[in-house]
Amino acid sequence: MVHAAEQDRPDVALKRTAWRFWQAHLDPRKLVFLDETGASTKMTRTHGRAACVVDRVPHGHWKTTTFLGALRPRA
């Protein structure tokens, strides 16, 4: 298995230990989880498995939509 070489540094190991200690004292009711996702018209597939497919796609009008969501547990 491969892992980041930084994990072997003493300063990083110390910070990871401190994080684990601090993490045990977190109140889950105070946490907010953020998630960001997006979609783009540039993601149109140009190749497929079918022998021949003719379709239309937007050309030169690339648009991107980003969505940000937040979740928190209810107390």
C-alpha atoms as a PDB file:
ATOM      1  CA  MET A   1       0.000   0.000   0.000  1.00  0.00           C
ATOM      2  CA  VAL A   2       1.209   3.502  -0.820  1.00  0.00           C
ATOM      3  CA  HIS A   3       0.818   6.501   1.474  1.00  0.00           C
ATOM      4  CA  ALA A   4       2.068  10.088   1.487  1.00  0.00           C
ATOM      5  CA  ALA A   5       5.751  10.336   2.435  1.00  0.00           C
ATOM      6  CA  GLU A   6       4.912  13.314   4.670  1.00  0.00           C
ATOM      7  CA  GLN A   7       3.253  10.923   7.117  1.00  0.00           C
ATOM      8  CA  ASP A   8       6.718   9.711   8.142  1.00  0.00           C
ATOM      9  CA  ARG A   9       7.919  13.183   9.178  1.00  0.00           C
ATOM     10  CA  PRO A  10       8.028  13.727  12.966  1.00  0.00           C
ATOM     11  CA  ASP A  11       6.239  17.098  12.815  1.00  0.00           C
ATOM     12  CA  VAL A  12       3.372  15.613  10.783  1.00  0.00           C
ATOM     13  CA  ALA A  13       3.125  12.597  13.102  1.00  0.00           C
ATOM     14  CA  LEU A  14       2.888  14.954  16.088  1.00  0.00           C
ATOM     15  CA  LYS A  15       0.126  16.977  14.424  1.00  0.00           C
ATOM     16  CA  ARG A  16      -1.777  13.798  13.559  1.00  0.00           C
ATOM     17  CA  THR A  17      -1.581  12.675  17.192  1.00  0.00           C
ATOM     18  CA  ALA A  18      -2.808  16.079  18.384  1.00  0.00           C
ATOM     19  CA  TRP A  19      -5.667  15.951  15.853  1.00  0.00           C
ATOM     20  CA  ARG A  20      -6.762  12.527  17.109  1.00  0.00           C
ATOM     21  CA  PHE A  21      -6.773  13.821  20.709  1.00  0.00           C
ATOM     22  CA  TRP A  22      -8.724  16.955  19.741  1.00  0.00           C
ATOM     23  CA  GLN A  23     -11.119  14.955  17.565  1.00  0.00           C
ATOM     24  CA  ALA A  24     -12.212  12.847  20.551  1.00  0.00           C
ATOM     25  CA  HIS A  25     -13.485  16.020  22.261  1.00  0.00           C
ATOM     26  CA  LEU A  26     -15.584  17.287  19.332  1.00  0.00           C
ATOM     27  CA  ASP A  27     -19.315  17.759  19.820  1.00  0.00           C
ATOM     28  CA  PRO A  28     -20.930  16.254  16.681  1.00  0.00           C
ATOM     29  CA  ARG A  29     -23.975  18.501  17.139  1.00  0.00           C
ATOM     30  CA  LYS A  30     -21.783  21.520  16.362  1.00  0.00           C
ATOM     31  CA  LEU A  31     -20.331  20.155  13.105  1.00  0.00           C
ATOM     32  CA  VAL A  32     -21.383  21.296   9.641  1.00  0.00           C
ATOM     33  CA  PHE A  33     -20.417  19.182   6.645  1.00  0.00           C
ATOM     34  CA  LEU A  34     -19.871  20.970   3.329  1.00  0.00           C
ATOM     35  CA  ASP A  35     -20.019  19.354  -0.085  1.00  0.00           C
ATOM     36  CA  GLU A  36     -19.353  20.986  -3.430  1.00  0.00           C
ATOM     37  CA  THR A  37     -20.211  19.461  -6.754  1.00  0.00           C
ATOM     38  CA  GLY A  38     -20.472  20.769 -10.292  1.00  0.00           C
ATOM     39  CA  ALA A  39     -21.497  19.978 -13.812  1.00  0.00           C
ATOM     40  CA  SER A  40     -20.261  21.337 -17.088  1.00  0.00           C
ATOM     41  CA  THR A  41     -21.482  21.132 -20.680  1.00  0.00           C
ATOM     42  CA  LYS A  42     -17.850  20.424 -21.606  1.00  0.00           C
ATOM     43  CA  MET A  43     -18.406  16.966 -20.140  1.00  0.00           C
ATOM     44  CA  THR A  44     -20.234  15.809 -23.256  1.00  0.00           C
ATOM     45  CA  ARG A  45     -18.944  12.429 -24.353  1.00  0.00           C
ATOM     46  CA  THR A  46     -17.239  12.405 -27.714  1.00  0.00           C
ATOM     47  CA  HIS A  47     -16.690   8.635 -27.865  1.00  0.00           C
ATOM     48  CA  GLY A  48     -18.854   5.652 -27.021  1.00  0.00           C
ATOM     49  CA  ARG A  49     -19.293   1.935 -27.539  1.00  0.00           C
ATOM     50  CA  ALA A  50     -21.964   2.139 -30.216  1.00  0.00           C
ATOM     51  CA  ALA A  51     -20.958   1.542 -33.810  1.00  0.00           C
ATOM     52  CA  CYS A  52     -22.286   4.928 -34.974  1.00  0.00           C
ATOM     53  CA  VAL A  53     -24.236   7.510 -33.026  1.00  0.00           C
ATOM     54  CA  VAL A  54     -25.263  10.916 -34.358  1.00  0.00           C
ATOM     55  CA  ASP A  55     -26.299  13.445 -31.755  1.00  0.00           C
ATOM     56  CA  ARG A  56     -26.192  17.172 -31.094  1.00  0.00           C
ATOM     57  CA  VAL A  57     -24.192  18.874 -28.347  1.00  0.00           C
ATOM     58  CA  PRO A  58     -23.670  22.535 -27.445  1.00  0.00           C
ATOM     59  CA  HIS A  59     -20.686  23.929 -29.314  1.00  0.00           C
ATOM     60  CA  GLY A  60     -18.694  26.825 -27.944  1.00  0.00           C
ATOM     61  CA  HIS A  61     -21.224  27.706 -25.247  1.00  0.00           C
ATOM     62  CA  TRP A  62     -19.580  25.971 -22.331  1.00  0.00           C
ATOM     63  CA  LYS A  63     -21.416  26.565 -19.092  1.00  0.00           C
ATOM     64  CA  THR A  64     -20.511  25.422 -15.589  1.00  0.00           C
ATOM     65  CA  THR A  65     -22.873  25.074 -12.656  1.00  0.00           C
ATOM     66  CA  THR A  66     -21.566  24.654  -9.126  1.00  0.00           C
ATOM     67  CA  PHE A  67     -23.660  23.556  -6.183  1.00  0.00           C
ATOM     68  CA  LEU A  68     -22.611  23.897  -2.560  1.00  0.00           C
ATOM     69  CA  GLY A  69     -24.534  22.085   0.150  1.00  0.00           C
ATOM     70  CA  ALA A  70     -24.246  22.058   3.931  1.00  0.00           C
ATOM     71  CA  LEU A  71     -25.480  19.335   6.256  1.00  0.00           C
ATOM     72  CA  ARG A  72     -25.649  19.291  10.010  1.00  0.00           C
ATOM     73  CA  PRO A  73     -27.175  16.876  12.478  1.00  0.00           C
ATOM     74  CA  ARG A  74     -30.344  17.953  14.227  1.00  0.00           C
ATOM     75  CA  ALA A  75     -30.254  17.932  17.988  1.00  0.00           C
END
